[in-house]
Amino acid sequence: MSSNITYRKMVIDDVPAVYAIELATFPTPWTLDSFYYEVHENQYAHYVLAIDEEDHIIGFCGMWMVVDAAQITNVAVIESARGRGIGEGLMREAMRIAQQNEMEIMSLEVRVTNTVAQNLYRKLDFQDGGLRKGYYTDNGEDALVMWVNL
């Protein structure tokens, strides 16, 4: 992992930068308003940011924590920073926060073709939990559900 990266909670002023990463990463991105809602209104949402040595946001991980379960909503790292362990760092920080908040399990959906992400999640002890057929609206691709006991 990159040692010059710090992690912190997202605040309202971070939304435009996070949204720019979302737009650059996903074929069906969330809206700008949805990120404002997540930070300002959604009491279950928590977003972790990866910050580089120049204080730029280079990645984020969102999750919802409800009762005893954390659900990862999205994880993204800017293209120029990929392959440096930042996604792993974001996931580890999200897992730490979920444990700190007494969550017992964490789950997520990942494209069946996204083997890079699946390998990262397996490295973090996530297990396959099943398929959601046609989950992704952009192309109808299935999602692999993965989960881990915290």
N, C-alpha and C. Protein backbone atom coordinates (compact mmCIF):
# COMPACT_ATOMS: atom_id res chain seq x y z
N MET A 1 0.83 -1.19 0.00
CA MET A 1 0.00 0.00 0.00
C MET A 1 0.87 1.24 0.00
N SER A 2 0.34 2.29 -0.56
CA SER A 2 1.06 3.56 -0.61
C SER A 2 1.08 4.20 0.77
N SER A 3 2.26 4.55 1.25
CA SER A 3 2.39 5.06 2.61
C SER A 3 2.06 6.54 2.72
N ASN A 4 1.97 7.25 1.61
CA ASN A 4 1.68 8.68 1.65
C ASN A 4 0.19 8.98 1.56
N ILE A 5 -0.63 7.99 1.68
CA ILE A 5 -2.08 8.16 1.58
C ILE A 5 -2.67 8.22 2.98
N THR A 6 -3.57 9.17 3.19
CA THR A 6 -4.31 9.24 4.44
C THR A 6 -5.79 9.01 4.12
N TYR A 7 -6.54 8.66 5.13
CA TYR A 7 -7.96 8.36 4.97
C TYR A 7 -8.74 9.22 5.96
N ARG A 8 -9.87 9.73 5.50
CA ARG A 8 -10.74 10.52 6.36
C ARG A 8 -12.18 10.41 5.88
N LYS A 9 -13.09 10.87 6.74
CA LYS A 9 -14.51 10.85 6.42
C LYS A 9 -14.84 11.97 5.44
N MET A 10 -15.74 11.68 4.50
CA MET A 10 -16.18 12.66 3.54
C MET A 10 -17.10 13.69 4.21
N VAL A 11 -16.92 14.95 3.84
CA VAL A 11 -17.79 16.03 4.28
C VAL A 11 -18.43 16.67 3.05
N ILE A 12 -19.38 17.54 3.27
CA ILE A 12 -20.17 18.11 2.19
C ILE A 12 -19.31 18.81 1.13
N ASP A 13 -18.24 19.47 1.54
CA ASP A 13 -17.38 20.16 0.58
C ASP A 13 -16.61 19.21 -0.34
N ASP A 14 -16.56 17.93 0.01
CA ASP A 14 -15.85 16.94 -0.79
C ASP A 14 -16.70 16.39 -1.94
N VAL A 15 -17.99 16.64 -1.92
CA VAL A 15 -18.90 16.01 -2.88
C VAL A 15 -18.51 16.26 -4.33
N PRO A 16 -18.19 17.49 -4.76
CA PRO A 16 -17.84 17.67 -6.18
C PRO A 16 -16.65 16.80 -6.63
N ALA A 17 -15.63 16.70 -5.80
CA ALA A 17 -14.46 15.88 -6.17
C ALA A 17 -14.82 14.39 -6.21
N VAL A 18 -15.62 13.95 -5.26
CA VAL A 18 -16.05 12.54 -5.25
C VAL A 18 -16.92 12.25 -6.46
N TYR A 19 -17.79 13.18 -6.79
CA TYR A 19 -18.66 13.01 -7.95
C TYR A 19 -17.84 12.93 -9.24
N ALA A 20 -16.79 13.72 -9.35
CA ALA A 20 -15.93 13.66 -10.54
C ALA A 20 -15.29 12.28 -10.67
N ILE A 21 -14.87 11.68 -9.56
CA ILE A 21 -14.31 10.33 -9.61
C ILE A 21 -15.39 9.34 -10.01
N GLU A 22 -16.58 9.49 -9.47
CA GLU A 22 -17.71 8.63 -9.82
C GLU A 22 -17.99 8.67 -11.32
N LEU A 23 -18.04 9.88 -11.88
CA LEU A 23 -18.31 10.03 -13.32
C LEU A 23 -17.24 9.37 -14.18
N ALA A 24 -15.99 9.47 -13.74
CA ALA A 24 -14.88 8.91 -14.51
C ALA A 24 -14.76 7.40 -14.37
N THR A 25 -15.45 6.82 -13.38
CA THR A 25 -15.25 5.41 -13.06
C THR A 25 -16.37 4.50 -13.53
N PHE A 26 -17.61 4.93 -13.36
CA PHE A 26 -18.74 4.02 -13.55
C PHE A 26 -19.57 4.34 -14.78
N PRO A 27 -20.01 3.30 -15.51
CA PRO A 27 -20.84 3.54 -16.70
C PRO A 27 -22.22 4.10 -16.37
N THR A 28 -22.73 3.81 -15.18
CA THR A 28 -24.01 4.39 -14.74
C THR A 28 -23.78 5.05 -13.37
N PRO A 29 -23.18 6.24 -13.39
CA PRO A 29 -22.81 6.89 -12.13
C PRO A 29 -24.02 7.38 -11.34
N TRP A 30 -23.80 7.49 -10.05
CA TRP A 30 -24.79 8.14 -9.19
C TRP A 30 -24.84 9.61 -9.57
N THR A 31 -25.92 10.28 -9.22
CA THR A 31 -26.05 11.71 -9.49
C THR A 31 -25.33 12.53 -8.43
N LEU A 32 -25.06 13.77 -8.78
CA LEU A 32 -24.46 14.70 -7.83
C LEU A 32 -25.36 14.83 -6.60
N ASP A 33 -26.66 14.97 -6.84
CA ASP A 33 -27.61 15.10 -5.73
C ASP A 33 -27.59 13.89 -4.81
N SER A 34 -27.37 12.71 -5.36
CA SER A 34 -27.37 11.51 -4.51
C SER A 34 -26.19 11.55 -3.53
N PHE A 35 -25.06 12.10 -3.94
CA PHE A 35 -23.92 12.21 -3.02
C PHE A 35 -24.19 13.26 -1.95
N TYR A 36 -24.80 14.37 -2.35
CA TYR A 36 -25.18 15.37 -1.32
C TYR A 36 -26.15 14.75 -0.32
N TYR A 37 -27.09 13.96 -0.82
CA TYR A 37 -28.04 13.29 0.07
C TYR A 37 -27.31 12.34 1.03
N GLU A 38 -26.39 11.58 0.49
CA GLU A 38 -25.65 10.62 1.31
C GLU A 38 -24.94 11.31 2.47
N VAL A 39 -24.31 12.44 2.21
CA VAL A 39 -23.54 13.14 3.25
C VAL A 39 -24.45 13.91 4.20
N HIS A 40 -25.46 14.54 3.66
CA HIS A 40 -26.25 15.48 4.45
C HIS A 40 -27.49 14.86 5.10
N GLU A 41 -28.09 13.85 4.45
CA GLU A 41 -29.39 13.33 4.90
C GLU A 41 -29.37 11.88 5.38
N ASN A 42 -28.58 11.05 4.76
CA ASN A 42 -28.63 9.61 5.03
C ASN A 42 -27.85 9.27 6.30
N GLN A 43 -28.58 9.03 7.38
CA GLN A 43 -27.94 8.75 8.66
C GLN A 43 -27.18 7.42 8.67
N TYR A 44 -27.44 6.56 7.71
CA TYR A 44 -26.79 5.25 7.65
C TYR A 44 -25.50 5.27 6.81
N ALA A 45 -25.30 6.34 6.04
CA ALA A 45 -24.18 6.40 5.11
C ALA A 45 -22.90 6.89 5.79
N HIS A 46 -21.79 6.31 5.35
CA HIS A 46 -20.47 6.74 5.78
C HIS A 46 -19.54 6.57 4.58
N TYR A 47 -18.82 7.63 4.25
CA TYR A 47 -17.90 7.59 3.12
C TYR A 47 -16.49 7.87 3.60
N VAL A 48 -15.57 7.03 3.17
CA VAL A 48 -14.15 7.17 3.48
C VAL A 48 -13.46 7.69 2.22
N LEU A 49 -12.58 8.67 2.40
CA LEU A 49 -11.81 9.22 1.29
C LEU A 49 -10.34 8.84 1.42
N ALA A 50 -9.70 8.63 0.27
CA ALA A 50 -8.25 8.47 0.21
C ALA A 50 -7.69 9.81 -0.27
N ILE A 51 -6.75 10.34 0.50
CA ILE A 51 -6.16 11.66 0.23
C ILE A 51 -4.67 11.48 -0.04
N ASP A 52 -4.20 12.05 -1.16
CA ASP A 52 -2.77 11.91 -1.48
C ASP A 52 -1.94 12.97 -0.75
N GLU A 53 -0.64 12.93 -0.99
CA GLU A 53 0.29 13.82 -0.30
C GLU A 53 0.08 15.29 -0.66
N GLU A 54 -0.62 15.56 -1.76
CA GLU A 54 -0.91 16.94 -2.17
C GLU A 54 -2.31 17.36 -1.75
N ASP A 55 -2.94 16.57 -0.87
CA ASP A 55 -4.27 16.84 -0.32
C ASP A 55 -5.39 16.73 -1.37
N HIS A 56 -5.16 15.91 -2.40
CA HIS A 56 -6.20 15.65 -3.40
C HIS A 56 -6.95 14.37 -3.05
N ILE A 57 -8.24 14.38 -3.30
CA ILE A 57 -9.05 13.17 -3.13
C ILE A 57 -8.78 12.28 -4.33
N ILE A 58 -8.30 11.07 -4.07
CA ILE A 58 -7.96 10.17 -5.18
C ILE A 58 -8.80 8.89 -5.16
N GLY A 59 -9.66 8.76 -4.16
CA GLY A 59 -10.52 7.59 -4.10
C GLY A 59 -11.53 7.72 -2.99
N PHE A 60 -12.56 6.88 -3.07
CA PHE A 60 -13.57 6.89 -2.02
C PHE A 60 -14.21 5.51 -1.90
N CYS A 61 -14.78 5.28 -0.73
CA CYS A 61 -15.53 4.05 -0.46
C CYS A 61 -16.75 4.45 0.35
N GLY A 62 -17.92 4.11 -0.15
CA GLY A 62 -19.16 4.40 0.57
C GLY A 62 -19.76 3.14 1.15
N MET A 63 -20.41 3.30 2.28
CA MET A 63 -21.12 2.16 2.87
C MET A 63 -22.32 2.67 3.66
N TRP A 64 -23.28 1.79 3.80
CA TRP A 64 -24.43 2.02 4.68
C TRP A 64 -24.30 1.05 5.83
N MET A 65 -24.45 1.57 7.04
CA MET A 65 -24.40 0.73 8.24
C MET A 65 -25.79 0.73 8.87
N VAL A 66 -26.45 -0.44 8.83
CA VAL A 66 -27.81 -0.57 9.34
C VAL A 66 -27.85 -1.76 10.30
N VAL A 67 -28.29 -1.52 11.51
CA VAL A 67 -28.38 -2.50 12.59
C VAL A 67 -27.01 -3.12 12.82
N ASP A 68 -26.74 -4.30 12.23
CA ASP A 68 -25.45 -4.95 12.45
C ASP A 68 -24.74 -5.31 11.14
N ALA A 69 -25.20 -4.71 10.03
CA ALA A 69 -24.64 -5.04 8.72
C ALA A 69 -24.20 -3.79 7.97
N ALA A 70 -23.03 -3.87 7.38
CA ALA A 70 -22.51 -2.80 6.53
C ALA A 70 -22.60 -3.25 5.08
N GLN A 71 -23.13 -2.40 4.23
CA GLN A 71 -23.25 -2.67 2.80
C GLN A 71 -22.39 -1.66 2.05
N ILE A 72 -21.39 -2.15 1.33
CA ILE A 72 -20.57 -1.27 0.50
C ILE A 72 -21.42 -0.81 -0.68
N THR A 73 -21.49 0.50 -0.87
CA THR A 73 -22.29 1.05 -1.98
C THR A 73 -21.45 1.31 -3.21
N ASN A 74 -20.25 1.81 -3.03
CA ASN A 74 -19.37 2.09 -4.17
C ASN A 74 -17.94 2.29 -3.68
N VAL A 75 -17.02 1.90 -4.53
CA VAL A 75 -15.58 2.07 -4.28
C VAL A 75 -14.97 2.51 -5.60
N ALA A 76 -14.18 3.57 -5.55
CA ALA A 76 -13.54 4.04 -6.78
C ALA A 76 -12.23 4.73 -6.45
N VAL A 77 -11.26 4.56 -7.35
CA VAL A 77 -9.95 5.21 -7.26
C VAL A 77 -9.68 5.82 -8.63
N ILE A 78 -9.14 7.04 -8.64
CA ILE A 78 -8.83 7.66 -9.93
C ILE A 78 -7.86 6.77 -10.71
N GLU A 79 -8.02 6.80 -12.01
CA GLU A 79 -7.26 5.88 -12.86
C GLU A 79 -5.75 6.00 -12.65
N SER A 80 -5.24 7.20 -12.51
CA SER A 80 -3.79 7.40 -12.38
C SER A 80 -3.22 6.87 -11.07
N ALA A 81 -4.09 6.58 -10.10
CA ALA A 81 -3.62 6.09 -8.80
C ALA A 81 -3.90 4.61 -8.58
N ARG A 82 -4.45 3.95 -9.58
CA ARG A 82 -4.78 2.52 -9.42
C ARG A 82 -3.50 1.68 -9.40
N GLY A 83 -3.61 0.52 -8.75
CA GLY A 83 -2.47 -0.39 -8.68
C GLY A 83 -1.49 -0.04 -7.56
N ARG A 84 -1.86 0.87 -6.69
CA ARG A 84 -0.97 1.29 -5.59
C ARG A 84 -1.50 0.86 -4.23
N GLY A 85 -2.56 0.02 -4.20
CA GLY A 85 -3.09 -0.45 -2.93
C GLY A 85 -4.10 0.49 -2.29
N ILE A 86 -4.53 1.50 -3.01
CA ILE A 86 -5.44 2.49 -2.44
C ILE A 86 -6.83 1.90 -2.25
N GLY A 87 -7.30 1.11 -3.21
CA GLY A 87 -8.59 0.44 -3.04
C GLY A 87 -8.58 -0.47 -1.82
N GLU A 88 -7.50 -1.19 -1.65
CA GLU A 88 -7.37 -2.06 -0.47
C GLU A 88 -7.37 -1.22 0.82
N GLY A 89 -6.67 -0.11 0.80
CA GLY A 89 -6.64 0.77 1.96
C GLY A 89 -8.02 1.31 2.29
N LEU A 90 -8.75 1.70 1.27
CA LEU A 90 -10.12 2.19 1.48
C LEU A 90 -11.00 1.10 2.08
N MET A 91 -10.90 -0.10 1.55
CA MET A 91 -11.71 -1.21 2.07
C MET A 91 -11.32 -1.55 3.50
N ARG A 92 -10.04 -1.58 3.79
CA ARG A 92 -9.60 -1.87 5.16
C ARG A 92 -10.10 -0.81 6.14
N GLU A 93 -10.06 0.45 5.72
CA GLU A 93 -10.55 1.53 6.58
C GLU A 93 -12.07 1.40 6.77
N ALA A 94 -12.80 1.09 5.71
CA ALA A 94 -14.25 0.89 5.83
C ALA A 94 -14.55 -0.27 6.77
N MET A 95 -13.80 -1.35 6.67
CA MET A 95 -13.99 -2.50 7.55
C MET A 95 -13.69 -2.12 9.00
N ARG A 96 -12.64 -1.33 9.21
CA ARG A 96 -12.29 -0.89 10.56
C ARG A 96 -13.43 -0.04 11.16
N ILE A 97 -13.94 0.87 10.38
CA ILE A 97 -15.02 1.74 10.85
C ILE A 97 -16.28 0.92 11.12
N ALA A 98 -16.58 -0.03 10.25
CA ALA A 98 -17.75 -0.89 10.45
C ALA A 98 -17.61 -1.68 11.75
N GLN A 99 -16.43 -2.23 12.00
CA GLN A 99 -16.19 -2.96 13.25
C GLN A 99 -16.33 -2.04 14.45
N GLN A 100 -15.78 -0.85 14.35
CA GLN A 100 -15.85 0.14 15.42
C GLN A 100 -17.32 0.48 15.74
N ASN A 101 -18.18 0.42 14.72
CA ASN A 101 -19.61 0.69 14.88
C ASN A 101 -20.43 -0.57 15.13
N GLU A 102 -19.72 -1.64 15.53
CA GLU A 102 -20.34 -2.91 15.94
C GLU A 102 -21.13 -3.61 14.84
N MET A 103 -20.70 -3.42 13.59
CA MET A 103 -21.28 -4.18 12.50
C MET A 103 -20.70 -5.59 12.55
N GLU A 104 -21.52 -6.58 12.25
CA GLU A 104 -21.09 -7.97 12.30
C GLU A 104 -20.69 -8.53 10.94
N ILE A 105 -21.33 -8.03 9.88
CA ILE A 105 -21.00 -8.49 8.53
C ILE A 105 -20.89 -7.29 7.60
N MET A 106 -20.20 -7.50 6.50
CA MET A 106 -20.12 -6.51 5.43
C MET A 106 -20.39 -7.24 4.13
N SER A 107 -21.15 -6.61 3.25
CA SER A 107 -21.45 -7.23 1.96
C SER A 107 -21.32 -6.19 0.85
N LEU A 108 -21.29 -6.70 -0.37
CA LEU A 108 -21.18 -5.84 -1.55
C LEU A 108 -21.60 -6.63 -2.78
N GLU A 109 -21.83 -5.90 -3.86
CA GLU A 109 -22.04 -6.52 -5.17
C GLU A 109 -20.90 -6.07 -6.07
N VAL A 110 -20.45 -6.97 -6.92
CA VAL A 110 -19.37 -6.67 -7.86
C VAL A 110 -19.70 -7.35 -9.19
N ARG A 111 -19.36 -6.70 -10.28
CA ARG A 111 -19.61 -7.28 -11.60
C ARG A 111 -18.90 -8.63 -11.71
N VAL A 112 -19.58 -9.59 -12.32
CA VAL A 112 -18.98 -10.92 -12.46
C VAL A 112 -17.71 -10.87 -13.31
N THR A 113 -17.57 -9.85 -14.17
CA THR A 113 -16.38 -9.74 -15.00
C THR A 113 -15.25 -8.95 -14.34
N ASN A 114 -15.50 -8.35 -13.17
CA ASN A 114 -14.49 -7.53 -12.51
C ASN A 114 -13.63 -8.40 -11.58
N THR A 115 -12.75 -9.17 -12.20
CA THR A 115 -11.93 -10.11 -11.43
C THR A 115 -10.89 -9.38 -10.57
N VAL A 116 -10.44 -8.20 -10.98
CA VAL A 116 -9.48 -7.44 -10.17
C VAL A 116 -10.11 -7.10 -8.82
N ALA A 117 -11.32 -6.57 -8.85
CA ALA A 117 -12.01 -6.23 -7.59
C ALA A 117 -12.31 -7.49 -6.79
N GLN A 118 -12.78 -8.54 -7.46
CA GLN A 118 -13.08 -9.79 -6.74
C GLN A 118 -11.85 -10.32 -6.03
N ASN A 119 -10.70 -10.26 -6.69
CA ASN A 119 -9.46 -10.74 -6.06
C ASN A 119 -9.11 -9.90 -4.83
N LEU A 120 -9.32 -8.59 -4.91
CA LEU A 120 -9.08 -7.74 -3.74
C LEU A 120 -10.00 -8.15 -2.60
N TYR A 121 -11.28 -8.31 -2.89
CA TYR A 121 -12.23 -8.66 -1.83
C TYR A 121 -11.90 -10.02 -1.22
N ARG A 122 -11.49 -10.97 -2.05
CA ARG A 122 -11.11 -12.29 -1.51
C ARG A 122 -9.86 -12.17 -0.63
N LYS A 123 -8.94 -11.30 -1.01
CA LYS A 123 -7.74 -11.05 -0.19
C LYS A 123 -8.15 -10.55 1.20
N LEU A 124 -9.28 -9.85 1.26
CA LEU A 124 -9.80 -9.32 2.53
C LEU A 124 -10.78 -10.29 3.19
N ASP A 125 -10.77 -11.54 2.74
CA ASP A 125 -11.57 -12.63 3.30
C ASP A 125 -13.05 -12.59 2.95
N PHE A 126 -13.44 -11.82 1.95
CA PHE A 126 -14.82 -11.88 1.48
C PHE A 126 -15.06 -13.22 0.81
N GLN A 127 -16.27 -13.72 0.96
CA GLN A 127 -16.68 -14.99 0.36
C GLN A 127 -17.79 -14.73 -0.65
N ASP A 128 -17.90 -15.62 -1.64
CA ASP A 128 -18.99 -15.53 -2.59
C ASP A 128 -20.30 -15.89 -1.90
N GLY A 129 -21.34 -15.10 -2.18
CA GLY A 129 -22.62 -15.34 -1.53
C GLY A 129 -23.76 -15.62 -2.49
N GLY A 130 -23.54 -15.49 -3.78
CA GLY A 130 -24.61 -15.74 -4.75
C GLY A 130 -24.55 -14.72 -5.88
N LEU A 131 -25.50 -14.85 -6.80
CA LEU A 131 -25.57 -13.96 -7.97
C LEU A 131 -26.85 -13.16 -7.94
N ARG A 132 -26.76 -11.92 -8.40
CA ARG A 132 -27.94 -11.11 -8.68
C ARG A 132 -27.99 -10.99 -10.20
N LYS A 133 -28.92 -11.72 -10.80
CA LYS A 133 -29.03 -11.75 -12.26
C LYS A 133 -29.44 -10.39 -12.81
N GLY A 134 -28.74 -9.94 -13.86
CA GLY A 134 -29.08 -8.70 -14.54
C GLY A 134 -29.01 -7.45 -13.67
N TYR A 135 -28.18 -7.47 -12.66
CA TYR A 135 -28.12 -6.41 -11.65
C TYR A 135 -27.72 -5.05 -12.24
N TYR A 136 -26.78 -5.04 -13.15
CA TYR A 136 -26.26 -3.78 -13.68
C TYR A 136 -27.10 -3.32 -14.87
N THR A 137 -27.66 -2.11 -14.74
CA THR A 137 -28.62 -1.63 -15.73
C THR A 137 -27.98 -1.20 -17.04
N ASP A 138 -26.69 -0.91 -17.05
CA ASP A 138 -26.06 -0.44 -18.29
C ASP A 138 -25.95 -1.55 -19.32
N ASN A 139 -25.72 -2.79 -18.87
CA ASN A 139 -25.55 -3.89 -19.82
C ASN A 139 -26.21 -5.20 -19.38
N GLY A 140 -26.92 -5.17 -18.27
CA GLY A 140 -27.60 -6.37 -17.79
C GLY A 140 -26.69 -7.41 -17.17
N GLU A 141 -25.45 -7.03 -16.89
CA GLU A 141 -24.49 -7.97 -16.32
C GLU A 141 -24.93 -8.40 -14.92
N ASP A 142 -24.59 -9.64 -14.60
CA ASP A 142 -24.87 -10.16 -13.26
C ASP A 142 -23.89 -9.58 -12.25
N ALA A 143 -24.34 -9.54 -10.99
CA ALA A 143 -23.48 -9.13 -9.88
C ALA A 143 -23.22 -10.33 -9.00
N LEU A 144 -21.98 -10.47 -8.59
CA LEU A 144 -21.61 -11.44 -7.58
C LEU A 144 -21.76 -10.77 -6.23
N VAL A 145 -22.54 -11.38 -5.35
CA VAL A 145 -22.67 -10.88 -3.98
C VAL A 145 -21.53 -11.48 -3.17
N MET A 146 -20.84 -10.65 -2.43
CA MET A 146 -19.74 -11.12 -1.58
C MET A 146 -19.96 -10.57 -0.18
N TRP A 147 -19.48 -11.31 0.81
CA TRP A 147 -19.66 -10.90 2.20
C TRP A 147 -18.50 -11.39 3.06
N VAL A 148 -18.35 -10.73 4.21
CA VAL A 148 -17.31 -11.12 5.16
C VAL A 148 -17.85 -10.90 6.57
N ASN A 149 -17.49 -11.81 7.47
CA ASN A 149 -17.79 -11.59 8.90
C ASN A 149 -16.75 -10.63 9.44
N LEU A 150 -17.22 -9.64 10.16
CA LEU A 150 -16.30 -8.66 10.75
C LEU A 150 -15.96 -9.05 12.17
